[in-house]
PDB file of N, CA and C in Angstrom:
ATOM      1  N   MET A   1     -31.096   8.023 -85.989  1.00  0.00           N
ATOM      2  CA  MET A   1     -31.300   7.325 -84.741  1.00  0.00           C
ATOM      3  C   MET A   1     -30.026   6.564 -84.391  1.00  0.00           C
ATOM      4  N   ALA A   2     -29.605   6.653 -83.156  1.00  0.00           N
ATOM      5  CA  ALA A   2     -28.406   5.954 -82.708  1.00  0.00           C
ATOM      6  C   ALA A   2     -28.615   4.445 -82.774  1.00  0.00           C
ATOM      7  N   ILE A   3     -27.580   3.741 -83.199  1.00  0.00           N
ATOM      8  CA  ILE A   3     -27.655   2.294 -83.257  1.00  0.00           C
ATOM      9  C   ILE A   3     -27.871   1.759 -81.849  1.00  0.00           C
ATOM     10  N   GLY A   4     -28.823   0.870 -81.689  1.00  0.00           N
ATOM     11  CA  GLY A   4     -29.101   0.276 -80.388  1.00  0.00           C
ATOM     12  C   GLY A   4     -30.060   1.061 -79.523  1.00  0.00           C
ATOM     13  N   LEU A   5     -30.501   2.223 -79.986  1.00  0.00           N
ATOM     14  CA  LEU A   5     -31.399   3.044 -79.166  1.00  0.00           C
ATOM     15  C   LEU A   5     -32.720   2.339 -78.864  1.00  0.00           C
ATOM     16  N   PRO A   6     -33.367   1.694 -79.842  1.00  0.00           N
ATOM     17  CA  PRO A   6     -34.614   0.984 -79.506  1.00  0.00           C
ATOM     18  C   PRO A   6     -34.401  -0.094 -78.431  1.00  0.00           C
ATOM     19  N   ARG A   7     -33.270  -0.789 -78.505  1.00  0.00           N
ATOM     20  CA  ARG A   7     -32.967  -1.825 -77.502  1.00  0.00           C
ATOM     21  C   ARG A   7     -32.720  -1.180 -76.138  1.00  0.00           C
ATOM     22  N   LEU A   8     -31.998  -0.060 -76.117  1.00  0.00           N
ATOM     23  CA  LEU A   8     -31.751   0.673 -74.877  1.00  0.00           C
ATOM     24  C   LEU A   8     -33.068   1.109 -74.243  1.00  0.00           C
ATOM     25  N   LEU A   9     -33.943   1.699 -75.051  1.00  0.00           N
ATOM     26  CA  LEU A   9     -35.237   2.163 -74.537  1.00  0.00           C
ATOM     27  C   LEU A   9     -36.076   1.000 -74.015  1.00  0.00           C
ATOM     28  N   LYS A  10     -36.051  -0.115 -74.719  1.00  0.00           N
ATOM     29  CA  LYS A  10     -36.814  -1.284 -74.277  1.00  0.00           C
ATOM     30  C   LYS A  10     -36.338  -1.738 -72.899  1.00  0.00           C
ATOM     31  N   ARG A  11     -35.024  -1.748 -72.702  1.00  0.00           N
ATOM     32  CA  ARG A  11     -34.469  -2.149 -71.404  1.00  0.00           C
ATOM     33  C   ARG A  11     -34.848  -1.156 -70.307  1.00  0.00           C
ATOM     34  N   VAL A  12     -34.732   0.139 -70.600  1.00  0.00           N
ATOM     35  CA  VAL A  12     -35.103   1.164 -69.617  1.00  0.00           C
ATOM     36  C   VAL A  12     -36.585   1.037 -69.268  1.00  0.00           C
ATOM     37  N   HIS A  13     -37.432   0.857 -70.276  1.00  0.00           N
ATOM     38  CA  HIS A  13     -38.876   0.710 -70.033  1.00  0.00           C
ATOM     39  C   HIS A  13     -39.157  -0.493 -69.131  1.00  0.00           C
ATOM     40  N   ARG A  14     -38.510  -1.631 -69.432  1.00  0.00           N
ATOM     41  CA  ARG A  14     -38.731  -2.855 -68.654  1.00  0.00           C
ATOM     42  C   ARG A  14     -38.307  -2.652 -67.199  1.00  0.00           C
ATOM     43  N   LEU A  15     -37.140  -2.078 -66.985  1.00  0.00           N
ATOM     44  CA  LEU A  15     -36.660  -1.842 -65.622  1.00  0.00           C
ATOM     45  C   LEU A  15     -37.567  -0.871 -64.874  1.00  0.00           C
ATOM     46  N   ALA A  16     -38.071   0.138 -65.572  1.00  0.00           N
ATOM     47  CA  ALA A  16     -38.957   1.121 -64.936  1.00  0.00           C
ATOM     48  C   ALA A  16     -40.275   0.480 -64.522  1.00  0.00           C
ATOM     49  N   VAL A  17     -40.851  -0.325 -65.403  1.00  0.00           N
ATOM     50  CA  VAL A  17     -42.114  -0.993 -65.089  1.00  0.00           C
ATOM     51  C   VAL A  17     -41.940  -1.961 -63.923  1.00  0.00           C
ATOM     52  N   GLN A  18     -40.791  -2.626 -63.873  1.00  0.00           N
ATOM     53  CA  GLN A  18     -40.493  -3.556 -62.778  1.00  0.00           C
ATOM     54  C   GLN A  18     -40.054  -2.821 -61.509  1.00  0.00           C
ATOM     55  N   ARG A  19     -39.913  -1.505 -61.604  1.00  0.00           N
ATOM     56  CA  ARG A  19     -39.465  -0.646 -60.497  1.00  0.00           C
ATOM     57  C   ARG A  19     -38.077  -1.072 -60.005  1.00  0.00           C
ATOM     58  N   ARG A  20     -37.235  -1.502 -60.940  1.00  0.00           N
ATOM     59  CA  ARG A  20     -35.837  -1.834 -60.631  1.00  0.00           C
ATOM     60  C   ARG A  20     -34.983  -0.602 -60.916  1.00  0.00           C
ATOM     61  N   VAL A  21     -35.342   0.476 -60.210  1.00  0.00           N
ATOM     62  CA  VAL A  21     -34.722   1.784 -60.407  1.00  0.00           C
ATOM     63  C   VAL A  21     -34.248   2.294 -59.051  1.00  0.00           C
ATOM     64  N   ARG A  22     -32.998   2.754 -59.031  1.00  0.00           N
ATOM     65  CA  ARG A  22     -32.448   3.377 -57.826  1.00  0.00           C
ATOM     66  C   ARG A  22     -32.054   4.814 -58.166  1.00  0.00           C
ATOM     67  N   PHE A  23     -31.923   5.633 -57.149  1.00  0.00           N
ATOM     68  CA  PHE A  23     -31.595   7.043 -57.320  1.00  0.00           C
ATOM     69  C   PHE A  23     -30.388   7.389 -56.464  1.00  0.00           C
ATOM     70  N   THR A  24     -29.454   8.146 -57.031  1.00  0.00           N
ATOM     71  CA  THR A  24     -28.387   8.692 -56.196  1.00  0.00           C
ATOM     72  C   THR A  24     -29.027   9.731 -55.276  1.00  0.00           C
ATOM     73  N   LEU A  25     -28.338  10.065 -54.211  1.00  0.00           N
ATOM     74  CA  LEU A  25     -28.829  11.100 -53.302  1.00  0.00           C
ATOM     75  C   LEU A  25     -29.038  12.401 -54.072  1.00  0.00           C
ATOM     76  N   LYS A  26     -28.097  12.721 -54.941  1.00  0.00           N
ATOM     77  CA  LYS A  26     -28.195  13.941 -55.756  1.00  0.00           C
ATOM     78  C   LYS A  26     -29.470  13.923 -56.607  1.00  0.00           C
ATOM     79  N   ALA A  27     -29.764  12.795 -57.239  1.00  0.00           N
ATOM     80  CA  ALA A  27     -30.958  12.697 -58.083  1.00  0.00           C
ATOM     81  C   ALA A  27     -32.236  12.827 -57.253  1.00  0.00           C
ATOM     82  N   ARG A  28     -32.245  12.245 -56.044  1.00  0.00           N
ATOM     83  CA  ARG A  28     -33.419  12.379 -55.166  1.00  0.00           C
ATOM     84  C   ARG A  28     -33.649  13.843 -54.798  1.00  0.00           C
ATOM     85  N   GLN A  29     -32.566  14.525 -54.474  1.00  0.00           N
ATOM     86  CA  GLN A  29     -32.677  15.939 -54.106  1.00  0.00           C
ATOM     87  C   GLN A  29     -33.159  16.771 -55.289  1.00  0.00           C
ATOM     88  N   GLU A  30     -32.638  16.481 -56.474  1.00  0.00           N
ATOM     89  CA  GLU A  30     -33.050  17.215 -57.675  1.00  0.00           C
ATOM     90  C   GLU A  30     -34.520  16.966 -57.986  1.00  0.00           C
ATOM     91  N   LEU A  31     -34.948  15.719 -57.863  1.00  0.00           N
ATOM     92  CA  LEU A  31     -36.339  15.377 -58.123  1.00  0.00           C
ATOM     93  C   LEU A  31     -37.259  16.137 -57.167  1.00  0.00           C
ATOM     94  N   ALA A  32     -36.897  16.175 -55.899  1.00  0.00           N
ATOM     95  CA  ALA A  32     -37.699  16.891 -54.903  1.00  0.00           C
ATOM     96  C   ALA A  32     -37.726  18.390 -55.182  1.00  0.00           C
ATOM     97  N   ALA A  33     -36.628  18.922 -55.718  1.00  0.00           N
ATOM     98  CA  ALA A  33     -36.527  20.363 -55.974  1.00  0.00           C
ATOM     99  C   ALA A  33     -37.264  20.798 -57.237  1.00  0.00           C
ATOM    100  N   LEU A  34     -37.698  19.844 -58.066  1.00  0.00           N
ATOM    101  CA  LEU A  34     -38.408  20.219 -59.293  1.00  0.00           C
ATOM    102  C   LEU A  34     -39.671  21.015 -58.993  1.00  0.00           C
ATOM    103  N   GLY A  35     -40.254  20.772 -57.837  1.00  0.00           N
ATOM    104  CA  GLY A  35     -41.418  21.553 -57.442  1.00  0.00           C
ATOM    105  C   GLY A  35     -42.715  21.137 -58.091  1.00  0.00           C
ATOM    106  N   ALA A  36     -42.697  20.084 -58.877  1.00  0.00           N
ATOM    107  CA  ALA A  36     -43.925  19.624 -59.534  1.00  0.00           C
ATOM    108  C   ALA A  36     -44.615  18.550 -58.704  1.00  0.00           C
ATOM    109  N   GLY A  37     -44.128  18.322 -57.488  1.00  0.00           N
ATOM    110  CA  GLY A  37     -44.721  17.309 -56.630  1.00  0.00           C
ATOM    111  C   GLY A  37     -44.398  15.893 -57.089  1.00  0.00           C
ATOM    112  N   LEU A  38     -43.292  15.722 -57.802  1.00  0.00           N
ATOM    113  CA  LEU A  38     -42.920  14.416 -58.312  1.00  0.00           C
ATOM    114  C   LEU A  38     -42.184  13.593 -57.257  1.00  0.00           C
ATOM    115  N   ASP A  39     -42.428  12.294 -57.276  1.00  0.00           N
ATOM    116  CA  ASP A  39     -41.691  11.392 -56.396  1.00  0.00           C
ATOM    117  C   ASP A  39     -41.032  10.306 -57.244  1.00  0.00           C
ATOM    118  N   GLU A  40     -40.418   9.327 -56.596  1.00  0.00           N
ATOM    119  CA  GLU A  40     -39.695   8.290 -57.321  1.00  0.00           C
ATOM    120  C   GLU A  40     -40.614   7.448 -58.198  1.00  0.00           C
ATOM    121  N   GLU A  41     -41.844   7.228 -57.768  1.00  0.00           N
ATOM    122  CA  GLU A  41     -42.810   6.495 -58.597  1.00  0.00           C
ATOM    123  C   GLU A  41     -43.100   7.270 -59.889  1.00  0.00           C
ATOM    124  N   ASP A  42     -43.256   8.578 -59.758  1.00  0.00           N
ATOM    125  CA  ASP A  42     -43.483   9.411 -60.940  1.00  0.00           C
ATOM    126  C   ASP A  42     -42.278   9.350 -61.875  1.00  0.00           C
ATOM    127  N   ALA A  43     -41.082   9.358 -61.301  1.00  0.00           N
ATOM    128  CA  ALA A  43     -39.866   9.283 -62.113  1.00  0.00           C
ATOM    129  C   ALA A  43     -39.818   7.967 -62.876  1.00  0.00           C
ATOM    130  N   CYS A  44     -40.238   6.876 -62.255  1.00  0.00           N
ATOM    131  CA  CYS A  44     -40.291   5.584 -62.951  1.00  0.00           C
ATOM    132  C   CYS A  44     -41.281   5.646 -64.103  1.00  0.00           C
ATOM    133  N   ASP A  45     -42.392   6.330 -63.902  1.00  0.00           N
ATOM    134  CA  ASP A  45     -43.369   6.502 -64.984  1.00  0.00           C
ATOM    135  C   ASP A  45     -42.768   7.307 -66.139  1.00  0.00           C
ATOM    136  N   VAL A  46     -41.966   8.314 -65.807  1.00  0.00           N
ATOM    137  CA  VAL A  46     -41.288   9.097 -66.846  1.00  0.00           C
ATOM    138  C   VAL A  46     -40.349   8.185 -67.636  1.00  0.00           C
ATOM    139  N   LEU A  47     -39.579   7.356 -66.932  1.00  0.00           N
ATOM    140  CA  LEU A  47     -38.666   6.422 -67.598  1.00  0.00           C
ATOM    141  C   LEU A  47     -39.426   5.476 -68.519  1.00  0.00           C
ATOM    142  N   ALA A  48     -40.555   4.967 -68.038  1.00  0.00           N
ATOM    143  CA  ALA A  48     -41.346   4.017 -68.819  1.00  0.00           C
ATOM    144  C   ALA A  48     -41.916   4.660 -70.082  1.00  0.00           C
ATOM    145  N   GLY A  49     -42.027   5.978 -70.087  1.00  0.00           N
ATOM    146  CA  GLY A  49     -42.586   6.681 -71.236  1.00  0.00           C
ATOM    147  C   GLY A  49     -41.562   7.339 -72.145  1.00  0.00           C
ATOM    148  N   LEU A  50     -40.270   7.145 -71.870  1.00  0.00           N
ATOM    149  CA  LEU A  50     -39.241   7.769 -72.715  1.00  0.00           C
ATOM    150  C   LEU A  50     -39.334   7.269 -74.146  1.00  0.00           C
ATOM    151  N   GLY A  51     -39.117   8.190 -75.079  1.00  0.00           N
ATOM    152  CA  GLY A  51     -39.126   7.844 -76.496  1.00  0.00           C
ATOM    153  C   GLY A  51     -37.835   8.241 -77.175  1.00  0.00           C
ATOM    154  N   VAL A  52     -37.735   7.861 -78.425  1.00  0.00           N
ATOM    155  CA  VAL A  52     -36.538   8.160 -79.226  1.00  0.00           C
ATOM    156  C   VAL A  52     -36.256   9.658 -79.232  1.00  0.00           C
ATOM    157  N   ALA A  53     -37.281  10.473 -79.337  1.00  0.00           N
ATOM    158  CA  ALA A  53     -37.104  11.926 -79.404  1.00  0.00           C
ATOM    159  C   ALA A  53     -36.551  12.512 -78.103  1.00  0.00           C
ATOM    160  N   ASP A  54     -36.675  11.782 -76.996  1.00  0.00           N
ATOM    161  CA  ASP A  54     -36.177  12.266 -75.705  1.00  0.00           C
ATOM    162  C   ASP A  54     -34.681  12.024 -75.527  1.00  0.00           C
ATOM    163  N   PHE A  55     -34.099  11.159 -76.353  1.00  0.00           N
ATOM    164  CA  PHE A  55     -32.683  10.806 -76.210  1.00  0.00           C
ATOM    165  C   PHE A  55     -31.809  11.985 -76.619  1.00  0.00           C
ATOM    166  N   ALA A  56     -30.840  12.339 -75.750  1.00  0.00           N
ATOM    167  CA  ALA A  56     -29.959  13.479 -76.025  1.00  0.00           C
ATOM    168  C   ALA A  56     -28.503  13.075 -76.198  1.00  0.00           C
ATOM    169  N   GLY A  57     -28.169  11.810 -75.925  1.00  0.00           N
ATOM    170  CA  GLY A  57     -26.797  11.357 -76.117  1.00  0.00           C
ATOM    171  C   GLY A  57     -26.302  10.531 -74.952  1.00  0.00           C
ATOM    172  N   ARG A  58     -25.005  10.271 -74.970  1.00  0.00           N
ATOM    173  CA  ARG A  58     -24.390   9.495 -73.899  1.00  0.00           C
ATOM    174  C   ARG A  58     -23.005  10.052 -73.616  1.00  0.00           C
ATOM    175  N   LEU A  59     -22.505   9.764 -72.428  1.00  0.00           N
ATOM    176  CA  LEU A  59     -21.172  10.188 -72.049  1.00  0.00           C
ATOM    177  C   LEU A  59     -20.583   9.161 -71.105  1.00  0.00           C
ATOM    178  N   VAL A  60     -19.287   9.199 -70.939  1.00  0.00           N
ATOM    179  CA  VAL A  60     -18.601   8.247 -70.075  1.00  0.00           C
ATOM    180  C   VAL A  60     -18.408   8.859 -68.694  1.00  0.00           C
ATOM    181  N   SER A  61     -18.749   8.092 -67.676  1.00  0.00           N
ATOM    182  CA  SER A  61     -18.543   8.528 -66.301  1.00  0.00           C
ATOM    183  C   SER A  61     -17.053   8.600 -66.011  1.00  0.00           C
ATOM    184  N   GLU A  62     -16.611   9.738 -65.506  1.00  0.00           N
ATOM    185  CA  GLU A  62     -15.200   9.881 -65.139  1.00  0.00           C
ATOM    186  C   GLU A  62     -14.852   8.989 -63.948  1.00  0.00           C
ATOM    187  N   GLY A  63     -15.818   8.733 -63.086  1.00  0.00           N
ATOM    188  CA  GLY A  63     -15.568   7.940 -61.887  1.00  0.00           C
ATOM    189  C   GLY A  63     -15.543   6.440 -62.108  1.00  0.00           C
ATOM    190  N   THR A  64     -16.432   5.940 -62.991  1.00  0.00           N
ATOM    191  CA  THR A  64     -16.553   4.485 -63.147  1.00  0.00           C
ATOM    192  C   THR A  64     -16.226   3.987 -64.550  1.00  0.00           C
ATOM    193  N   GLY A  65     -16.171   4.892 -65.524  1.00  0.00           N
ATOM    194  CA  GLY A  65     -15.922   4.484 -66.904  1.00  0.00           C
ATOM    195  C   GLY A  65     -17.153   3.921 -67.593  1.00  0.00           C
ATOM    196  N   GLU A  66     -18.296   3.943 -66.928  1.00  0.00           N
ATOM    197  CA  GLU A  66     -19.543   3.415 -67.495  1.00  0.00           C
ATOM    198  C   GLU A  66     -20.191   4.439 -68.420  1.00  0.00           C
ATOM    199  N   TRP A  67     -20.976   3.933 -69.374  1.00  0.00           N
ATOM    200  CA  TRP A  67     -21.781   4.828 -70.197  1.00  0.00           C
ATOM    201  C   TRP A  67     -22.924   5.374 -69.368  1.00  0.00           C
ATOM    202  N   MET A  68     -23.163   6.666 -69.489  1.00  0.00           N
ATOM    203  CA  MET A  68     -24.321   7.317 -68.882  1.00  0.00           C
ATOM    204  C   MET A  68     -25.166   7.840 -70.038  1.00  0.00           C
ATOM    205  N   TYR A  69     -26.449   7.574 -69.979  1.00  0.00           N
ATOM    206  CA  TYR A  69     -27.367   7.949 -71.052  1.00  0.00           C
ATOM    207  C   TYR A  69     -28.163   9.172 -70.627  1.00  0.00           C
ATOM    208  N   VAL A  70     -28.259  10.149 -71.516  1.00  0.00           N
ATOM    209  CA  VAL A  70     -28.925  11.416 -71.222  1.00  0.00           C
ATOM    210  C   VAL A  70     -30.207  11.506 -72.028  1.00  0.00           C
ATOM    211  N   PHE A  71     -31.274  11.859 -71.341  1.00  0.00           N
ATOM    212  CA  PHE A  71     -32.579  12.080 -71.965  1.00  0.00           C
ATOM    213  C   PHE A  71     -33.073  13.450 -71.543  1.00  0.00           C
ATOM    214  N   LYS A  72     -33.867  14.062 -72.402  1.00  0.00           N
ATOM    215  CA  LYS A  72     -34.428  15.382 -72.102  1.00  0.00           C
ATOM    216  C   LYS A  72     -35.920  15.396 -72.433  1.00  0.00           C
ATOM    217  N   PRO A  73     -36.712  14.719 -71.584  1.00  0.00           N
ATOM    218  CA  PRO A  73     -38.160  14.704 -71.804  1.00  0.00           C
ATOM    219  C   PRO A  73     -38.842  15.941 -71.224  1.00  0.00           C
ATOM    220  N   LEU A  74     -40.061  16.151 -71.633  1.00  0.00           N
ATOM    221  CA  LEU A  74     -40.917  17.160 -70.999  1.00  0.00           C
ATOM    222  C   LEU A  74     -41.678  16.466 -69.884  1.00  0.00           C
ATOM    223  N   VAL A  75     -41.625  17.019 -68.687  1.00  0.00           N
ATOM    224  CA  VAL A  75     -42.336  16.457 -67.540  1.00  0.00           C
ATOM    225  C   VAL A  75     -43.215  17.554 -66.968  1.00  0.00           C
ATOM    226  N   ALA A  76     -44.508  17.359 -67.028  1.00  0.00           N
ATOM    227  CA  ALA A  76     -45.474  18.357 -66.556  1.00  0.00           C
ATOM    228  C   ALA A  76     -45.185  19.721 -67.182  1.00  0.00           C
ATOM    229  N   GLY A  77     -44.834  19.712 -68.480  1.00  0.00           N
ATOM    230  CA  GLY A  77     -44.576  20.947 -69.208  1.00  0.00           C
ATOM    231  C   GLY A  77     -43.198  21.546 -68.991  1.00  0.00           C
ATOM    232  N   THR A  78     -42.365  20.881 -68.194  1.00  0.00           N
ATOM    233  CA  THR A  78     -41.021  21.374 -67.886  1.00  0.00           C
ATOM    234  C   THR A  78     -39.978  20.501 -68.580  1.00  0.00           C
ATOM    235  N   PRO A  79     -39.025  21.106 -69.313  1.00  0.00           N
ATOM    236  CA  PRO A  79     -37.948  20.305 -69.887  1.00  0.00           C
ATOM    237  C   PRO A  79     -37.022  19.803 -68.770  1.00  0.00           C
ATOM    238  N   VAL A  80     -36.789  18.496 -68.764  1.00  0.00           N
ATOM    239  CA  VAL A  80     -36.019  17.864 -67.701  1.00  0.00           C
ATOM    240  C   VAL A  80     -34.761  17.229 -68.279  1.00  0.00           C
ATOM    241  N   TYR A  81     -33.681  17.299 -67.522  1.00  0.00           N
ATOM    242  CA  TYR A  81     -32.414  16.638 -67.844  1.00  0.00           C
ATOM    243  C   TYR A  81     -32.349  15.386 -66.991  1.00  0.00           C
ATOM    244  N   LEU A  82     -32.312  14.226 -67.622  1.00  0.00           N
ATOM    245  CA  LEU A  82     -32.320  12.949 -66.929  1.00  0.00           C
ATOM    246  C   LEU A  82     -31.099  12.148 -67.376  1.00  0.00           C
ATOM    247  N   LYS A  83     -30.251  11.770 -66.435  1.00  0.00           N
ATOM    248  CA  LYS A  83     -29.049  11.001 -66.762  1.00  0.00           C
ATOM    249  C   LYS A  83     -29.106   9.702 -65.970  1.00  0.00           C
ATOM    250  N   LEU A  84     -28.854   8.577 -66.661  1.00  0.00           N
ATOM    251  CA  LEU A  84     -28.945   7.283 -66.008  1.00  0.00           C
ATOM    252  C   LEU A  84     -27.820   6.357 -66.435  1.00  0.00           C
ATOM    253  N   VAL A  85     -27.590   5.351 -65.602  1.00  0.00           N
ATOM    254  CA  VAL A  85     -26.615   4.296 -65.859  1.00  0.00           C
ATOM    255  C   VAL A  85     -27.375   2.985 -65.779  1.00  0.00           C
ATOM    256  N   LEU A  86     -27.096   2.085 -66.709  1.00  0.00           N
ATOM    257  CA  LEU A  86     -27.722   0.772 -66.673  1.00  0.00           C
ATOM    258  C   LEU A  86     -26.737  -0.236 -66.112  1.00  0.00           C
ATOM    259  N   ARG A  87     -27.175  -0.911 -65.074  1.00  0.00           N
ATOM    260  CA  ARG A  87     -26.407  -1.999 -64.448  1.00  0.00           C
ATOM    261  C   ARG A  87     -27.359  -3.180 -64.390  1.00  0.00           C
ATOM    262  N   GLU A  88     -27.455  -3.857 -63.258  1.00  0.00           N
ATOM    263  CA  GLU A  88     -28.493  -4.888 -63.085  1.00  0.00           C
ATOM    264  C   GLU A  88     -29.861  -4.223 -63.143  1.00  0.00           C
ATOM    265  N   GLY A  89     -29.924  -3.041 -62.611  1.00  0.00           N
ATOM    266  CA  GLY A  89     -31.112  -2.221 -62.666  1.00  0.00           C
ATOM    267  C   GLY A  89     -30.754  -0.899 -63.320  1.00  0.00           C
ATOM    268  N   CYS A  90     -31.545   0.081 -63.058  1.00  0.00           N
ATOM    269  CA  CYS A  90     -31.327   1.412 -63.628  1.00  0.00           C
ATOM    270  C   CYS A  90     -30.981   2.357 -62.481  1.00  0.00           C
ATOM    271  N   LEU A  91     -29.885   3.075 -62.617  1.00  0.00           N
ATOM    272  CA  LEU A  91     -29.464   4.043 -61.601  1.00  0.00           C
ATOM    273  C   LEU A  91     -29.647   5.442 -62.167  1.00  0.00           C
ATOM    274  N   ILE A  92     -30.522   6.230 -61.532  1.00  0.00           N
ATOM    275  CA  ILE A  92     -30.741   7.606 -61.947  1.00  0.00           C
ATOM    276  C   ILE A  92     -29.674   8.466 -61.273  1.00  0.00           C
ATOM    277  N   VAL A  93     -28.876   9.143 -62.089  1.00  0.00           N
ATOM    278  CA  VAL A  93     -27.781   9.968 -61.599  1.00  0.00           C
ATOM    279  C   VAL A  93     -28.212  11.430 -61.488  1.00  0.00           C
ATOM    280  N   SER A  94     -29.015  11.895 -62.446  1.00  0.00           N
ATOM    281  CA  SER A  94     -29.511  13.281 -62.448  1.00  0.00           C
ATOM    282  C   SER A  94     -30.962  13.303 -62.882  1.00  0.00           C
ATOM    283  N   PHE A  95     -31.737  14.193 -62.278  1.00  0.00           N
ATOM    284  CA  PHE A  95     -33.146  14.368 -62.651  1.00  0.00           C
ATOM    285  C   PHE A  95     -33.537  15.783 -62.241  1.00  0.00           C
ATOM    286  N   HIS A  96     -33.250  16.749 -63.118  1.00  0.00           N
ATOM    287  CA  HIS A  96     -33.509  18.144 -62.771  1.00  0.00           C
ATOM    288  C   HIS A  96     -33.984  18.914 -63.997  1.00  0.00           C
ATOM    289  N   GLU A  97     -34.416  20.133 -63.765  1.00  0.00           N
ATOM    290  CA  GLU A  97     -34.827  20.976 -64.880  1.00  0.00           C
ATOM    291  C   GLU A  97     -33.644  21.163 -65.823  1.00  0.00           C
ATOM    292  N   ASP A  98     -33.906  21.064 -67.118  1.00  0.00           N
ATOM    293  CA  ASP A  98     -32.837  21.186 -68.111  1.00  0.00           C
ATOM    294  C   ASP A  98     -32.371  22.629 -68.174  1.00  0.00           C
ATOM    295  N   GLU A  99     -31.094  22.816 -67.852  1.00  0.00           N
ATOM    296  CA  GLU A  99     -30.510  24.150 -67.863  1.00  0.00           C
ATOM    297  C   GLU A  99     -29.539  24.318 -69.017  1.00  0.00           C
ATOM    298  N   GLY A 100     -29.459  23.283 -69.885  1.00  0.00           N
ATOM    299  CA  GLY A 100     -28.602  23.371 -71.066  1.00  0.00           C
ATOM    300  C   GLY A 100     -27.146  23.579 -70.717  1.00  0.00           C
ATOM    301  N   ASP A 101     -26.513  22.622 -70.051  1.00  0.00           N
ATOM    302  CA  ASP A 101     -25.116  22.721 -69.629  1.00  0.00           C
ATOM    303  C   ASP A 101     -24.190  22.675 -70.843  1.00  0.00           C
ATOM    304  N   PRO A 102     -23.629  23.810 -71.248  1.00  0.00           N
ATOM    305  CA  PRO A 102     -22.764  23.835 -72.441  1.00  0.00           C
ATOM    306  C   PRO A 102     -21.409  23.187 -72.205  1.00  0.00           C
ATOM    307  N   ASP A 103     -21.014  22.940 -70.964  1.00  0.00           N
ATOM    308  CA  ASP A 103     -19.713  22.358 -70.670  1.00  0.00           C
ATOM    309  C   ASP A 103     -19.726  20.834 -70.761  1.00  0.00           C
ATOM    310  N   GLU A 104     -20.901  20.241 -70.782  1.00  0.00           N
ATOM    311  CA  GLU A 104     -20.991  18.783 -70.816  1.00  0.00           C
ATOM    312  C   GLU A 104     -21.009  18.297 -72.253  1.00  0.00           C
ATOM    313  N   GLU A 105     -20.055  17.462 -72.584  1.00  0.00           N
ATOM    314  CA  GLU A 105     -19.958  16.940 -73.952  1.00  0.00           C
ATOM    315  C   GLU A 105     -20.689  15.603 -74.028  1.00  0.00           C
ATOM    316  N   VAL A 106     -21.823  15.623 -74.706  1.00  0.00           N
ATOM    317  CA  VAL A 106     -22.640  14.428 -74.868  1.00  0.00           C
ATOM    318  C   VAL A 106     -22.433  13.915 -76.287  1.00  0.00           C
ATOM    319  N   LEU A 107     -22.162  12.621 -76.405  1.00  0.00           N
ATOM    320  CA  LEU A 107     -21.943  11.987 -77.708  1.00  0.00           C
ATOM    321  C   LEU A 107     -23.239  11.493 -78.308  1.00  0.00           C
TER     322      LEU A 107
END
């Protein structure tokens, strides 16, 4: 288990329950394209339910230098790729079906 992962999950859960979650335009479009009828409220519920087993790693944003955290939960039976940044709230950067991007180096 990555050091600090329980603390990270606790923060993500708290922000999700408080609905202090924002979505990039790209993430909104990806969420709508999932086809499972999911909306932003459903995405917050997914965040609130993330577990240690869903964590896939982290990477540094080339644009901002911030850590981005990657999770790969099952949502309605579909493996999903979820990437987020923690600031004052939680910013969802990606939320789409997991396609296993081999070019992305996740630590």
